Amino acid sequence: MTRRYTLTGSDRQPYPSATKGTLGGHRAGRIYGRLDCPSALRAIARGGYVANRVFFAEEETARAAGFRPCAVCLPERYAAWRAE
């Protein structure tokens, strides 16, 4: 049996995928970052983050959906985003 994942597309709509996402995000904050982001993991441990958690296949999709890079786990990408 193939495991199914739910990813978010550039239109911010969920879609099923056989492949796990490479990035996690927070729908309400419109932030994306690495799956092992210390800031996201702390928020998940507190319990308030999970209801708004989304996953993306790649960075281009996250950016197209209007999400910005995380300043904690993607500082170089965040700095470039700020400079735009």
PDB file of N, CA and C in Angstrom:
ATOM      1  N   MET A   1       0.844  -1.187   0.000  1.00  0.00           N
ATOM      2  CA  MET A   1       0.000   0.000   0.000  1.00  0.00           C
ATOM      3  C   MET A   1       0.886   1.245   0.000  1.00  0.00           C
ATOM      4  N   THR A   2       0.612   2.168  -0.874  1.00  0.00           N
ATOM      5  CA  THR A   2       1.377   3.392  -0.989  1.00  0.00           C
ATOM      6  C   THR A   2       0.871   4.411   0.020  1.00  0.00           C
ATOM      7  N   ARG A   3       1.796   5.010   0.734  1.00  0.00           N
ATOM      8  CA  ARG A   3       1.415   6.043   1.689  1.00  0.00           C
ATOM      9  C   ARG A   3       1.063   7.312   0.930  1.00  0.00           C
ATOM     10  N   ARG A   4       0.036   7.997   1.371  1.00  0.00           N
ATOM     11  CA  ARG A   4      -0.411   9.236   0.739  1.00  0.00           C
ATOM     12  C   ARG A   4      -0.096  10.407   1.667  1.00  0.00           C
ATOM     13  N   TYR A   5       0.389  11.462   1.088  1.00  0.00           N
ATOM     14  CA  TYR A   5       0.677  12.691   1.809  1.00  0.00           C
ATOM     15  C   TYR A   5      -0.206  13.792   1.240  1.00  0.00           C
ATOM     16  N   THR A   6      -0.428  14.816   2.015  1.00  0.00           N
ATOM     17  CA  THR A   6      -1.171  15.972   1.533  1.00  0.00           C
ATOM     18  C   THR A   6      -0.212  17.146   1.456  1.00  0.00           C
ATOM     19  N   LEU A   7      -0.038  17.660   0.251  1.00  0.00           N
ATOM     20  CA  LEU A   7       0.828  18.811   0.032  1.00  0.00           C
ATOM     21  C   LEU A   7      -0.033  20.008  -0.354  1.00  0.00           C
ATOM     22  N   THR A   8       0.561  21.186  -0.285  1.00  0.00           N
ATOM     23  CA  THR A   8      -0.123  22.410  -0.670  1.00  0.00           C
ATOM     24  C   THR A   8       0.451  22.888  -1.991  1.00  0.00           C
ATOM     25  N   GLY A   9      -0.437  23.260  -2.906  1.00  0.00           N
ATOM     26  CA  GLY A   9      -0.006  23.735  -4.218  1.00  0.00           C
ATOM     27  C   GLY A   9       0.174  25.239  -4.245  1.00  0.00           C
ATOM     28  N   SER A  10       0.607  25.756  -5.367  1.00  0.00           N
ATOM     29  CA  SER A  10       0.823  27.193  -5.522  1.00  0.00           C
ATOM     30  C   SER A  10      -0.477  27.982  -5.390  1.00  0.00           C
ATOM     31  N   ASP A  11      -1.622  27.309  -5.549  1.00  0.00           N
ATOM     32  CA  ASP A  11      -2.929  27.940  -5.376  1.00  0.00           C
ATOM     33  C   ASP A  11      -3.420  27.845  -3.930  1.00  0.00           C
ATOM     34  N   ARG A  12      -2.557  27.361  -3.027  1.00  0.00           N
ATOM     35  CA  ARG A  12      -2.833  27.180  -1.591  1.00  0.00           C
ATOM     36  C   ARG A  12      -3.868  26.102  -1.311  1.00  0.00           C
ATOM     37  N   GLN A  13      -4.171  25.272  -2.300  1.00  0.00           N
ATOM     38  CA  GLN A  13      -5.123  24.188  -2.133  1.00  0.00           C
ATOM     39  C   GLN A  13      -4.372  22.884  -1.857  1.00  0.00           C
ATOM     40  N   PRO A  14      -4.918  22.035  -0.991  1.00  0.00           N
ATOM     41  CA  PRO A  14      -4.276  20.748  -0.712  1.00  0.00           C
ATOM     42  C   PRO A  14      -4.459  19.774  -1.871  1.00  0.00           C
ATOM     43  N   TYR A  15      -3.473  18.914  -2.058  1.00  0.00           N
ATOM     44  CA  TYR A  15      -3.588  17.860  -3.060  1.00  0.00           C
ATOM     45  C   TYR A  15      -2.848  16.626  -2.558  1.00  0.00           C
ATOM     46  N   PRO A  16      -3.331  15.440  -2.913  1.00  0.00           N
ATOM     47  CA  PRO A  16      -2.677  14.208  -2.473  1.00  0.00           C
ATOM     48  C   PRO A  16      -1.385  13.974  -3.253  1.00  0.00           C
ATOM     49  N   SER A  17      -0.426  13.366  -2.583  1.00  0.00           N
ATOM     50  CA  SER A  17       0.855  13.068  -3.207  1.00  0.00           C
ATOM     51  C   SER A  17       1.391  11.759  -2.649  1.00  0.00           C
ATOM     52  N   ALA A  18       2.069  11.004  -3.478  1.00  0.00           N
ATOM     53  CA  ALA A  18       2.738   9.784  -3.017  1.00  0.00           C
ATOM     54  C   ALA A  18       4.100  10.115  -2.424  1.00  0.00           C
ATOM     55  N   THR A  19       4.551  11.360  -2.631  1.00  0.00           N
ATOM     56  CA  THR A  19       5.857  11.804  -2.158  1.00  0.00           C
ATOM     57  C   THR A  19       5.699  12.762  -0.991  1.00  0.00           C
ATOM     58  N   LYS A  20       6.505  12.586   0.026  1.00  0.00           N
ATOM     59  CA  LYS A  20       6.507  13.452   1.194  1.00  0.00           C
ATOM     60  C   LYS A  20       7.020  14.839   0.815  1.00  0.00           C
ATOM     61  N   GLY A  21       6.484  15.879   1.436  1.00  0.00           N
ATOM     62  CA  GLY A  21       6.944  17.232   1.190  1.00  0.00           C
ATOM     63  C   GLY A  21       8.358  17.441   1.716  1.00  0.00           C
ATOM     64  N   THR A  22       9.060  18.397   1.137  1.00  0.00           N
ATOM     65  CA  THR A  22      10.430  18.702   1.565  1.00  0.00           C
ATOM     66  C   THR A  22      10.481  19.898   2.502  1.00  0.00           C
ATOM     67  N   LEU A  23       9.385  20.671   2.555  1.00  0.00           N
ATOM     68  CA  LEU A  23       9.320  21.861   3.400  1.00  0.00           C
ATOM     69  C   LEU A  23       8.003  21.881   4.159  1.00  0.00           C
ATOM     70  N   GLY A  24       8.047  22.432   5.358  1.00  0.00           N
ATOM     71  CA  GLY A  24       6.839  22.621   6.144  1.00  0.00           C
ATOM     72  C   GLY A  24       6.522  24.097   6.214  1.00  0.00           C
ATOM     73  N   GLY A  25       5.277  24.407   6.494  1.00  0.00           N
ATOM     74  CA  GLY A  25       4.888  25.801   6.590  1.00  0.00           C
ATOM     75  C   GLY A  25       3.777  26.004   7.591  1.00  0.00           C
ATOM     76  N   HIS A  26       3.513  27.282   7.870  1.00  0.00           N
ATOM     77  CA  HIS A  26       2.439  27.672   8.772  1.00  0.00           C
ATOM     78  C   HIS A  26       1.461  28.521   7.969  1.00  0.00           C
ATOM     79  N   ARG A  27       0.270  27.988   7.771  1.00  0.00           N
ATOM     80  CA  ARG A  27      -0.737  28.625   6.918  1.00  0.00           C
ATOM     81  C   ARG A  27      -1.063  30.037   7.391  1.00  0.00           C
ATOM     82  N   ALA A  28      -1.298  30.228   8.680  1.00  0.00           N
ATOM     83  CA  ALA A  28      -1.704  31.538   9.186  1.00  0.00           C
ATOM     84  C   ALA A  28      -0.584  32.569   9.071  1.00  0.00           C
ATOM     85  N   GLY A  29       0.652  32.155   9.312  1.00  0.00           N
ATOM     86  CA  GLY A  29       1.777  33.078   9.248  1.00  0.00           C
ATOM     87  C   GLY A  29       2.391  33.199   7.866  1.00  0.00           C
ATOM     88  N   ARG A  30       1.992  32.305   6.963  1.00  0.00           N
ATOM     89  CA  ARG A  30       2.534  32.239   5.596  1.00  0.00           C
ATOM     90  C   ARG A  30       4.065  32.190   5.601  1.00  0.00           C
ATOM     91  N   ILE A  31       4.590  31.299   6.424  1.00  0.00           N
ATOM     92  CA  ILE A  31       6.033  31.078   6.533  1.00  0.00           C
ATOM     93  C   ILE A  31       6.314  29.632   6.156  1.00  0.00           C
ATOM     94  N   TYR A  32       7.421  29.381   5.467  1.00  0.00           N
ATOM     95  CA  TYR A  32       7.842  28.007   5.190  1.00  0.00           C
ATOM     96  C   TYR A  32       9.295  27.840   5.611  1.00  0.00           C
ATOM     97  N   GLY A  33       9.654  26.590   5.905  1.00  0.00           N
ATOM     98  CA  GLY A  33      11.027  26.293   6.301  1.00  0.00           C
ATOM     99  C   GLY A  33      11.305  24.801   6.260  1.00  0.00           C
ATOM    100  N   ARG A  34      12.484  24.463   6.749  1.00  0.00           N
ATOM    101  CA  ARG A  34      12.891  23.057   6.783  1.00  0.00           C
ATOM    102  C   ARG A  34      11.996  22.269   7.744  1.00  0.00           C
ATOM    103  N   LEU A  35      11.879  20.992   7.507  1.00  0.00           N
ATOM    104  CA  LEU A  35      11.067  20.139   8.376  1.00  0.00           C
ATOM    105  C   LEU A  35      11.673  20.010   9.774  1.00  0.00           C
ATOM    106  N   ASP A  36      12.986  20.244   9.891  1.00  0.00           N
ATOM    107  CA  ASP A  36      13.650  20.157  11.193  1.00  0.00           C
ATOM    108  C   ASP A  36      13.919  21.539  11.805  1.00  0.00           C
ATOM    109  N   CYS A  37      13.179  22.557  11.386  1.00  0.00           N
ATOM    110  CA  CYS A  37      13.367  23.925  11.882  1.00  0.00           C
ATOM    111  C   CYS A  37      13.164  23.964  13.402  1.00  0.00           C
ATOM    112  N   PRO A  38      14.152  24.464  14.149  1.00  0.00           N
ATOM    113  CA  PRO A  38      14.014  24.519  15.610  1.00  0.00           C
ATOM    114  C   PRO A  38      12.817  25.365  16.058  1.00  0.00           C
ATOM    115  N   SER A  39      12.551  26.449  15.375  1.00  0.00           N
ATOM    116  CA  SER A  39      11.433  27.314  15.748  1.00  0.00           C
ATOM    117  C   SER A  39      10.102  26.595  15.549  1.00  0.00           C
ATOM    118  N   ALA A  40       9.941  25.925  14.418  1.00  0.00           N
ATOM    119  CA  ALA A  40       8.704  25.180  14.146  1.00  0.00           C
ATOM    120  C   ALA A  40       8.548  24.019  15.122  1.00  0.00           C
ATOM    121  N   LEU A  41       9.632  23.328  15.413  1.00  0.00           N
ATOM    122  CA  LEU A  41       9.555  22.195  16.341  1.00  0.00           C
ATOM    123  C   LEU A  41       9.162  22.646  17.748  1.00  0.00           C
ATOM    124  N   ARG A  42       9.659  23.822  18.180  1.00  0.00           N
ATOM    125  CA  ARG A  42       9.245  24.363  19.482  1.00  0.00           C
ATOM    126  C   ARG A  42       7.748  24.686  19.476  1.00  0.00           C
ATOM    127  N   ALA A  43       7.276  25.306  18.386  1.00  0.00           N
ATOM    128  CA  ALA A  43       5.859  25.650  18.286  1.00  0.00           C
ATOM    129  C   ALA A  43       4.992  24.391  18.269  1.00  0.00           C
ATOM    130  N   ILE A  44       5.439  23.368  17.568  1.00  0.00           N
ATOM    131  CA  ILE A  44       4.696  22.099  17.527  1.00  0.00           C
ATOM    132  C   ILE A  44       4.651  21.473  18.913  1.00  0.00           C
ATOM    133  N   ALA A  45       5.750  21.539  19.644  1.00  0.00           N
ATOM    134  CA  ALA A  45       5.791  20.976  21.002  1.00  0.00           C
ATOM    135  C   ALA A  45       4.798  21.686  21.927  1.00  0.00           C
ATOM    136  N   ARG A  46       4.565  22.970  21.679  1.00  0.00           N
ATOM    137  CA  ARG A  46       3.594  23.726  22.487  1.00  0.00           C
ATOM    138  C   ARG A  46       2.162  23.409  22.082  1.00  0.00           C
ATOM    139  N   GLY A  47       1.963  22.830  20.901  1.00  0.00           N
ATOM    140  CA  GLY A  47       0.650  22.372  20.479  1.00  0.00           C
ATOM    141  C   GLY A  47      -0.179  23.323  19.640  1.00  0.00           C
ATOM    142  N   GLY A  48       0.198  24.571  19.517  1.00  0.00           N
ATOM    143  CA  GLY A  48      -0.635  25.514  18.798  1.00  0.00           C
ATOM    144  C   GLY A  48      -0.369  25.598  17.309  1.00  0.00           C
ATOM    145  N   TYR A  49       0.647  24.976  16.815  1.00  0.00           N
ATOM    146  CA  TYR A  49       1.101  25.129  15.445  1.00  0.00           C
ATOM    147  C   TYR A  49       0.490  24.110  14.486  1.00  0.00           C
ATOM    148  N   VAL A  50       0.177  22.956  14.989  1.00  0.00           N
ATOM    149  CA  VAL A  50      -0.196  21.809  14.160  1.00  0.00           C
ATOM    150  C   VAL A  50      -1.447  22.043  13.318  1.00  0.00           C
ATOM    151  N   ALA A  51      -2.430  22.748  13.820  1.00  0.00           N
ATOM    152  CA  ALA A  51      -3.679  22.964  13.083  1.00  0.00           C
ATOM    153  C   ALA A  51      -3.456  23.768  11.802  1.00  0.00           C
ATOM    154  N   ASN A  52      -2.407  24.568  11.747  1.00  0.00           N
ATOM    155  CA  ASN A  52      -2.118  25.400  10.580  1.00  0.00           C
ATOM    156  C   ASN A  52      -0.932  24.901   9.778  1.00  0.00           C
ATOM    157  N   ARG A  53      -0.478  23.695  10.034  1.00  0.00           N
ATOM    158  CA  ARG A  53       0.708  23.146   9.369  1.00  0.00           C
ATOM    159  C   ARG A  53       0.364  22.722   7.945  1.00  0.00           C
ATOM    160  N   VAL A  54       1.208  23.098   7.002  1.00  0.00           N
ATOM    161  CA  VAL A  54       1.081  22.684   5.607  1.00  0.00           C
ATOM    162  C   VAL A  54       2.443  22.185   5.131  1.00  0.00           C
ATOM    163  N   PHE A  55       2.455  21.484   4.018  1.00  0.00           N
ATOM    164  CA  PHE A  55       3.692  20.930   3.476  1.00  0.00           C
ATOM    165  C   PHE A  55       3.788  21.246   1.993  1.00  0.00           C
ATOM    166  N   PHE A  56       5.012  21.497   1.535  1.00  0.00           N
ATOM    167  CA  PHE A  56       5.261  21.835   0.139  1.00  0.00           C
ATOM    168  C   PHE A  56       6.269  20.865  -0.461  1.00  0.00           C
ATOM    169  N   ALA A  57       6.106  20.609  -1.755  1.00  0.00           N
ATOM    170  CA  ALA A  57       7.039  19.735  -2.467  1.00  0.00           C
ATOM    171  C   ALA A  57       8.388  20.425  -2.646  1.00  0.00           C
ATOM    172  N   GLU A  58       8.370  21.734  -2.905  1.00  0.00           N
ATOM    173  CA  GLU A  58       9.620  22.474  -3.118  1.00  0.00           C
ATOM    174  C   GLU A  58       9.403  23.954  -2.833  1.00  0.00           C
ATOM    175  N   GLU A  59      10.509  24.676  -2.749  1.00  0.00           N
ATOM    176  CA  GLU A  59      10.483  26.088  -2.393  1.00  0.00           C
ATOM    177  C   GLU A  59       9.709  26.943  -3.397  1.00  0.00           C
ATOM    178  N   GLU A  60       9.829  26.641  -4.674  1.00  0.00           N
ATOM    179  CA  GLU A  60       9.141  27.433  -5.693  1.00  0.00           C
ATOM    180  C   GLU A  60       7.630  27.446  -5.469  1.00  0.00           C
ATOM    181  N   THR A  61       7.088  26.307  -5.082  1.00  0.00           N
ATOM    182  CA  THR A  61       5.649  26.216  -4.828  1.00  0.00           C
ATOM    183  C   THR A  61       5.270  27.037  -3.607  1.00  0.00           C
ATOM    184  N   ALA A  62       6.076  26.958  -2.563  1.00  0.00           N
ATOM    185  CA  ALA A  62       5.799  27.732  -1.352  1.00  0.00           C
ATOM    186  C   ALA A  62       5.804  29.230  -1.656  1.00  0.00           C
ATOM    187  N   ARG A  63       6.794  29.681  -2.415  1.00  0.00           N
ATOM    188  CA  ARG A  63       6.886  31.105  -2.770  1.00  0.00           C
ATOM    189  C   ARG A  63       5.711  31.514  -3.652  1.00  0.00           C
ATOM    190  N   ALA A  64       5.344  30.672  -4.618  1.00  0.00           N
ATOM    191  CA  ALA A  64       4.216  30.971  -5.500  1.00  0.00           C
ATOM    192  C   ALA A  64       2.901  31.046  -4.730  1.00  0.00           C
ATOM    193  N   ALA A  65       2.809  30.309  -3.629  1.00  0.00           N
ATOM    194  CA  ALA A  65       1.608  30.325  -2.793  1.00  0.00           C
ATOM    195  C   ALA A  65       1.575  31.534  -1.861  1.00  0.00           C
ATOM    196  N   GLY A  66       2.620  32.362  -1.898  1.00  0.00           N
ATOM    197  CA  GLY A  66       2.644  33.570  -1.081  1.00  0.00           C
ATOM    198  C   GLY A  66       3.285  33.412   0.279  1.00  0.00           C
ATOM    199  N   PHE A  67       4.036  32.328   0.464  1.00  0.00           N
ATOM    200  CA  PHE A  67       4.718  32.101   1.733  1.00  0.00           C
ATOM    201  C   PHE A  67       6.134  32.676   1.665  1.00  0.00           C
ATOM    202  N   ARG A  68       6.671  33.081   2.811  1.00  0.00           N
ATOM    203  CA  ARG A  68       8.023  33.612   2.874  1.00  0.00           C
ATOM    204  C   ARG A  68       8.933  32.624   3.602  1.00  0.00           C
ATOM    205  N   PRO A  69      10.244  32.714   3.371  1.00  0.00           N
ATOM    206  CA  PRO A  69      11.179  31.815   4.056  1.00  0.00           C
ATOM    207  C   PRO A  69      11.276  32.129   5.554  1.00  0.00           C
ATOM    208  N   CYS A  70      11.551  31.114   6.333  1.00  0.00           N
ATOM    209  CA  CYS A  70      11.743  31.254   7.778  1.00  0.00           C
ATOM    210  C   CYS A  70      13.096  31.915   8.053  1.00  0.00           C
ATOM    211  N   ALA A  71      13.110  32.897   8.936  1.00  0.00           N
ATOM    212  CA  ALA A  71      14.351  33.583   9.289  1.00  0.00           C
ATOM    213  C   ALA A  71      15.260  32.715  10.150  1.00  0.00           C
ATOM    214  N   VAL A  72      14.703  31.714  10.824  1.00  0.00           N
ATOM    215  CA  VAL A  72      15.498  30.870  11.724  1.00  0.00           C
ATOM    216  C   VAL A  72      16.244  29.784  10.959  1.00  0.00           C
ATOM    217  N   CYS A  73      15.552  29.008  10.151  1.00  0.00           N
ATOM    218  CA  CYS A  73      16.193  27.864   9.496  1.00  0.00           C
ATOM    219  C   CYS A  73      16.653  28.144   8.066  1.00  0.00           C
ATOM    220  N   LEU A  74      16.194  29.242   7.482  1.00  0.00           N
ATOM    221  CA  LEU A  74      16.604  29.617   6.125  1.00  0.00           C
ATOM    222  C   LEU A  74      17.057  31.089   6.109  1.00  0.00           C
ATOM    223  N   PRO A  75      18.039  31.453   6.931  1.00  0.00           N
ATOM    224  CA  PRO A  75      18.392  32.874   7.070  1.00  0.00           C
ATOM    225  C   PRO A  75      18.863  33.544   5.781  1.00  0.00           C
ATOM    226  N   GLU A  76      19.594  32.815   4.924  1.00  0.00           N
ATOM    227  CA  GLU A  76      20.058  33.424   3.679  1.00  0.00           C
ATOM    228  C   GLU A  76      18.882  33.688   2.731  1.00  0.00           C
ATOM    229  N   ARG A  77      17.972  32.736   2.648  1.00  0.00           N
ATOM    230  CA  ARG A  77      16.795  32.915   1.789  1.00  0.00           C
ATOM    231  C   ARG A  77      15.880  33.999   2.345  1.00  0.00           C
ATOM    232  N   TYR A  78      15.792  34.063   3.675  1.00  0.00           N
ATOM    233  CA  TYR A  78      14.991  35.110   4.299  1.00  0.00           C
ATOM    234  C   TYR A  78      15.581  36.487   3.984  1.00  0.00           C
ATOM    235  N   ALA A  79      16.895  36.628   4.088  1.00  0.00           N
ATOM    236  CA  ALA A  79      17.549  37.913   3.797  1.00  0.00           C
ATOM    237  C   ALA A  79      17.318  38.313   2.341  1.00  0.00           C
ATOM    238  N   ALA A  80      17.400  37.349   1.420  1.00  0.00           N
ATOM    239  CA  ALA A  80      17.139  37.643   0.010  1.00  0.00           C
ATOM    240  C   ALA A  80      15.689  38.056  -0.195  1.00  0.00           C
ATOM    241  N   TRP A  81      14.778  37.394   0.481  1.00  0.00           N
ATOM    242  CA  TRP A  81      13.345  37.739   0.390  1.00  0.00           C
ATOM    243  C   TRP A  81      13.117  39.154   0.889  1.00  0.00           C
ATOM    244  N   ARG A  82      13.740  39.514   2.011  1.00  0.00           N
ATOM    245  CA  ARG A  82      13.602  40.865   2.564  1.00  0.00           C
ATOM    246  C   ARG A  82      14.131  41.920   1.610  1.00  0.00           C
ATOM    247  N   ALA A  83      15.189  41.581   0.892  1.00  0.00           N
ATOM    248  CA  ALA A  83      15.816  42.538  -0.023  1.00  0.00           C
ATOM    249  C   ALA A  83      15.006  42.755  -1.296  1.00  0.00           C
ATOM    250  N   GLU A  84      14.065  41.846  -1.585  1.00  0.00           N
ATOM    251  CA  GLU A  84      13.258  41.969  -2.816  1.00  0.00           C
ATOM    252  C   GLU A  84      12.312  43.139  -2.762  1.00  0.00           C
TER     253      GLU A  84
END
